[in-house]
Amino acid sequence: MQLIIEMVSGGHPGTESDRERKCRAYARAGIPACVLIDDHDGLGTVSVLTVPRPDEAAYADTHRVAYGIDITLPEGPAKGFTIGEEITGPPRNA
């Protein structure tokens, strides 16, 4: 597997699992890119995690943006794919 796209679940057990445990497992497996689409992080964020370090169960590079700000995948099979308003919707207001 070369890319994971994870929609973060609501509720404490779901968010913890999606943001932390699953990402550690993906890094440990050497998955080159992991994308988190997170409705439960403030007003919504997209995080792109790359450069897995399997021995540390972590990603060395993380980019996080608010909904409405484009982010482009720098690695993996979807390199160059942009996630923006078409996927997340416009920026949310408090």
N, C-alpha and C. Protein backbone atom coordinates (compact mmCIF):
# COMPACT_ATOMS: atom_id res chain seq x y z
N MET A 1 0.85 -1.17 0.00
CA MET A 1 0.00 0.00 0.00
C MET A 1 0.89 1.24 0.00
N GLN A 2 0.50 2.22 -0.79
CA GLN A 2 1.33 3.40 -0.95
C GLN A 2 0.76 4.68 -0.36
N LEU A 3 -0.56 4.69 -0.08
CA LEU A 3 -1.20 5.91 0.40
C LEU A 3 -2.39 5.53 1.27
N ILE A 4 -2.53 6.22 2.39
CA ILE A 4 -3.69 6.07 3.28
C ILE A 4 -4.38 7.42 3.36
N ILE A 5 -5.70 7.42 3.21
CA ILE A 5 -6.49 8.62 3.46
C ILE A 5 -7.46 8.26 4.57
N GLU A 6 -7.37 8.94 5.68
CA GLU A 6 -8.13 8.63 6.88
C GLU A 6 -9.07 9.78 7.20
N MET A 7 -10.35 9.48 7.33
CA MET A 7 -11.33 10.45 7.83
C MET A 7 -11.38 10.25 9.35
N VAL A 8 -11.04 11.26 10.10
CA VAL A 8 -10.97 11.14 11.55
C VAL A 8 -12.39 11.02 12.12
N SER A 9 -12.58 10.01 12.95
CA SER A 9 -13.88 9.74 13.57
C SER A 9 -14.10 10.66 14.76
N GLY A 10 -15.36 10.93 15.06
CA GLY A 10 -15.70 11.76 16.21
C GLY A 10 -15.62 10.97 17.51
N GLY A 11 -15.58 11.68 18.60
CA GLY A 11 -15.50 11.05 19.91
C GLY A 11 -14.05 10.75 20.27
N HIS A 12 -13.74 10.81 21.54
CA HIS A 12 -12.35 10.64 21.99
C HIS A 12 -11.70 9.35 21.52
N PRO A 13 -12.33 8.19 21.69
CA PRO A 13 -11.64 6.96 21.24
C PRO A 13 -11.37 6.96 19.73
N GLY A 14 -12.31 7.47 18.94
CA GLY A 14 -12.12 7.51 17.49
C GLY A 14 -11.04 8.46 17.06
N THR A 15 -11.04 9.66 17.61
CA THR A 15 -10.03 10.65 17.20
C THR A 15 -8.64 10.20 17.63
N GLU A 16 -8.52 9.66 18.83
CA GLU A 16 -7.21 9.19 19.29
C GLU A 16 -6.70 8.06 18.40
N SER A 17 -7.57 7.14 18.06
CA SER A 17 -7.18 6.02 17.21
C SER A 17 -6.75 6.50 15.83
N ASP A 18 -7.55 7.35 15.21
CA ASP A 18 -7.25 7.81 13.86
C ASP A 18 -6.03 8.71 13.79
N ARG A 19 -5.88 9.62 14.75
CA ARG A 19 -4.77 10.57 14.72
C ARG A 19 -3.45 9.96 15.19
N GLU A 20 -3.53 9.04 16.12
CA GLU A 20 -2.29 8.56 16.73
C GLU A 20 -1.99 7.10 16.43
N ARG A 21 -2.80 6.19 16.92
CA ARG A 21 -2.49 4.77 16.79
C ARG A 21 -2.39 4.31 15.34
N LYS A 22 -3.36 4.69 14.53
CA LYS A 22 -3.33 4.26 13.13
C LYS A 22 -2.14 4.87 12.40
N CYS A 23 -1.86 6.14 12.65
CA CYS A 23 -0.73 6.78 11.97
C CYS A 23 0.59 6.13 12.36
N ARG A 24 0.73 5.75 13.62
CA ARG A 24 1.95 5.04 14.05
C ARG A 24 2.06 3.70 13.30
N ALA A 25 0.94 3.00 13.18
CA ALA A 25 0.94 1.71 12.48
C ALA A 25 1.30 1.89 11.00
N TYR A 26 0.77 2.94 10.37
CA TYR A 26 1.08 3.19 8.96
C TYR A 26 2.55 3.52 8.78
N ALA A 27 3.10 4.34 9.67
CA ALA A 27 4.53 4.67 9.59
C ALA A 27 5.37 3.42 9.81
N ARG A 28 5.00 2.60 10.79
CA ARG A 28 5.73 1.36 11.08
C ARG A 28 5.73 0.44 9.86
N ALA A 29 4.62 0.47 9.09
CA ALA A 29 4.51 -0.36 7.88
C ALA A 29 5.23 0.25 6.68
N GLY A 30 5.73 1.49 6.83
CA GLY A 30 6.46 2.14 5.76
C GLY A 30 5.59 2.75 4.67
N ILE A 31 4.31 3.02 4.98
CA ILE A 31 3.41 3.67 4.02
C ILE A 31 3.96 5.06 3.73
N PRO A 32 4.26 5.40 2.46
CA PRO A 32 4.93 6.67 2.15
C PRO A 32 4.14 7.92 2.47
N ALA A 33 2.80 7.85 2.42
CA ALA A 33 2.00 9.06 2.66
C ALA A 33 0.71 8.69 3.37
N CYS A 34 0.37 9.52 4.35
CA CYS A 34 -0.87 9.36 5.11
C CYS A 34 -1.55 10.73 5.16
N VAL A 35 -2.82 10.76 4.78
CA VAL A 35 -3.59 12.01 4.79
C VAL A 35 -4.69 11.87 5.83
N LEU A 36 -4.79 12.85 6.74
CA LEU A 36 -5.87 12.89 7.73
C LEU A 36 -6.80 14.04 7.39
N ILE A 37 -8.06 13.73 7.17
CA ILE A 37 -9.08 14.75 6.97
C ILE A 37 -9.88 14.77 8.27
N ASP A 38 -9.80 15.90 8.97
CA ASP A 38 -10.24 15.93 10.37
C ASP A 38 -11.27 17.04 10.62
N ASP A 39 -12.53 16.65 10.65
CA ASP A 39 -13.62 17.59 10.97
C ASP A 39 -13.60 17.99 12.45
N HIS A 40 -12.86 17.26 13.27
CA HIS A 40 -12.90 17.43 14.72
C HIS A 40 -11.68 18.19 15.27
N ASP A 41 -10.89 18.76 14.40
CA ASP A 41 -9.71 19.55 14.80
C ASP A 41 -10.04 21.01 14.54
N GLY A 42 -10.46 21.71 15.58
CA GLY A 42 -10.84 23.11 15.43
C GLY A 42 -11.97 23.23 14.42
N LEU A 43 -11.76 24.00 13.39
CA LEU A 43 -12.77 24.20 12.35
C LEU A 43 -12.54 23.29 11.15
N GLY A 44 -11.69 22.29 11.32
CA GLY A 44 -11.39 21.32 10.27
C GLY A 44 -9.99 21.51 9.72
N THR A 45 -9.24 20.41 9.63
CA THR A 45 -7.88 20.46 9.09
C THR A 45 -7.62 19.26 8.19
N VAL A 46 -6.63 19.44 7.33
CA VAL A 46 -6.08 18.36 6.52
C VAL A 46 -4.60 18.28 6.87
N SER A 47 -4.15 17.08 7.23
CA SER A 47 -2.74 16.85 7.54
C SER A 47 -2.18 15.85 6.56
N VAL A 48 -0.99 16.13 6.04
CA VAL A 48 -0.29 15.21 5.16
C VAL A 48 1.00 14.80 5.86
N LEU A 49 1.12 13.51 6.13
CA LEU A 49 2.28 12.96 6.81
C LEU A 49 3.09 12.17 5.79
N THR A 50 4.39 12.46 5.70
CA THR A 50 5.27 11.77 4.76
C THR A 50 6.59 11.44 5.44
N VAL A 51 7.43 10.74 4.75
CA VAL A 51 8.75 10.30 5.20
C VAL A 51 8.59 9.40 6.44
N PRO A 52 8.06 8.19 6.22
CA PRO A 52 7.88 7.28 7.36
C PRO A 52 9.22 6.83 7.94
N ARG A 53 9.23 6.69 9.24
CA ARG A 53 10.39 6.14 9.96
C ARG A 53 9.88 4.91 10.71
N PRO A 54 9.89 3.75 10.03
CA PRO A 54 9.32 2.54 10.62
C PRO A 54 9.90 2.18 11.98
N ASP A 55 11.19 2.39 12.17
CA ASP A 55 11.81 2.05 13.45
C ASP A 55 11.32 2.93 14.60
N GLU A 56 10.79 4.11 14.28
CA GLU A 56 10.27 5.03 15.30
C GLU A 56 8.74 5.06 15.32
N ALA A 57 8.11 4.36 14.36
CA ALA A 57 6.64 4.38 14.22
C ALA A 57 6.13 5.82 14.15
N ALA A 58 6.78 6.62 13.30
CA ALA A 58 6.43 8.04 13.17
C ALA A 58 6.74 8.51 11.76
N TYR A 59 6.13 9.63 11.42
CA TYR A 59 6.45 10.30 10.15
C TYR A 59 7.34 11.49 10.46
N ALA A 60 8.37 11.68 9.63
CA ALA A 60 9.32 12.76 9.85
C ALA A 60 8.81 14.11 9.36
N ASP A 61 7.86 14.09 8.43
CA ASP A 61 7.40 15.35 7.85
C ASP A 61 5.88 15.42 7.92
N THR A 62 5.36 16.49 8.49
CA THR A 62 3.92 16.69 8.61
C THR A 62 3.57 18.12 8.19
N HIS A 63 2.58 18.22 7.32
CA HIS A 63 2.05 19.53 6.93
C HIS A 63 0.56 19.53 7.27
N ARG A 64 0.11 20.58 7.95
CA ARG A 64 -1.28 20.67 8.40
C ARG A 64 -1.84 22.02 8.01
N VAL A 65 -3.01 22.00 7.37
CA VAL A 65 -3.67 23.25 6.97
C VAL A 65 -5.14 23.20 7.35
N ALA A 66 -5.72 24.37 7.50
CA ALA A 66 -7.15 24.49 7.78
C ALA A 66 -7.94 24.21 6.51
N TYR A 67 -9.17 23.76 6.70
CA TYR A 67 -10.08 23.60 5.57
C TYR A 67 -10.10 24.90 4.77
N GLY A 68 -10.16 24.76 3.45
CA GLY A 68 -10.20 25.92 2.58
C GLY A 68 -8.84 26.34 2.06
N ILE A 69 -7.76 25.80 2.64
CA ILE A 69 -6.41 26.08 2.17
C ILE A 69 -5.93 24.84 1.42
N ASP A 70 -5.47 25.03 0.20
CA ASP A 70 -5.01 23.90 -0.59
C ASP A 70 -3.73 23.29 -0.01
N ILE A 71 -3.65 21.96 -0.09
CA ILE A 71 -2.43 21.25 0.28
C ILE A 71 -2.19 20.19 -0.78
N THR A 72 -0.95 20.08 -1.23
CA THR A 72 -0.59 19.16 -2.31
C THR A 72 0.28 18.04 -1.76
N LEU A 73 -0.05 16.81 -2.15
CA LEU A 73 0.72 15.66 -1.69
C LEU A 73 2.11 15.68 -2.32
N PRO A 74 3.17 15.66 -1.49
CA PRO A 74 4.52 15.75 -2.02
C PRO A 74 5.15 14.40 -2.34
N GLU A 75 4.53 13.29 -1.90
CA GLU A 75 5.13 11.96 -2.03
C GLU A 75 4.09 10.94 -2.43
N GLY A 76 4.55 9.76 -2.79
CA GLY A 76 3.68 8.62 -3.01
C GLY A 76 3.01 8.64 -4.37
N PRO A 77 2.07 7.70 -4.58
CA PRO A 77 1.45 7.53 -5.89
C PRO A 77 0.54 8.69 -6.28
N ALA A 78 0.10 9.46 -5.32
CA ALA A 78 -0.77 10.61 -5.61
C ALA A 78 0.01 11.92 -5.57
N LYS A 79 1.33 11.83 -5.71
CA LYS A 79 2.17 13.03 -5.69
C LYS A 79 1.61 14.07 -6.65
N GLY A 80 1.45 15.30 -6.16
CA GLY A 80 0.92 16.39 -6.96
C GLY A 80 -0.58 16.57 -6.84
N PHE A 81 -1.28 15.61 -6.21
CA PHE A 81 -2.73 15.74 -6.03
C PHE A 81 -2.99 16.80 -4.96
N THR A 82 -3.91 17.70 -5.24
CA THR A 82 -4.21 18.79 -4.32
C THR A 82 -5.55 18.55 -3.63
N ILE A 83 -5.56 18.72 -2.33
CA ILE A 83 -6.78 18.64 -1.53
C ILE A 83 -7.14 20.07 -1.17
N GLY A 84 -8.34 20.47 -1.56
CA GLY A 84 -8.79 21.83 -1.30
C GLY A 84 -10.27 21.86 -1.03
N GLU A 85 -10.89 22.99 -1.30
CA GLU A 85 -12.31 23.19 -1.03
C GLU A 85 -13.20 22.19 -1.73
N GLU A 86 -12.78 21.67 -2.87
CA GLU A 86 -13.59 20.69 -3.59
C GLU A 86 -13.83 19.45 -2.74
N ILE A 87 -12.92 19.16 -1.83
CA ILE A 87 -13.02 17.97 -0.99
C ILE A 87 -13.49 18.31 0.42
N THR A 88 -12.95 19.36 1.01
CA THR A 88 -13.26 19.68 2.41
C THR A 88 -14.38 20.67 2.56
N GLY A 89 -14.70 21.38 1.51
CA GLY A 89 -15.65 22.48 1.61
C GLY A 89 -14.92 23.76 1.95
N PRO A 90 -15.62 24.88 1.96
CA PRO A 90 -14.97 26.17 2.24
C PRO A 90 -14.53 26.26 3.70
N PRO A 91 -13.69 27.24 4.01
CA PRO A 91 -13.28 27.45 5.40
C PRO A 91 -14.51 27.61 6.29
N ARG A 92 -14.43 27.08 7.48
CA ARG A 92 -15.55 27.19 8.41
C ARG A 92 -15.35 28.43 9.28
N ASN A 93 -16.44 29.02 9.69
CA ASN A 93 -16.39 30.17 10.59
C ASN A 93 -16.77 29.73 11.99
N ALA A 94 -16.15 30.35 12.96
CA ALA A 94 -16.44 30.00 14.35
C ALA A 94 -17.82 30.45 14.75
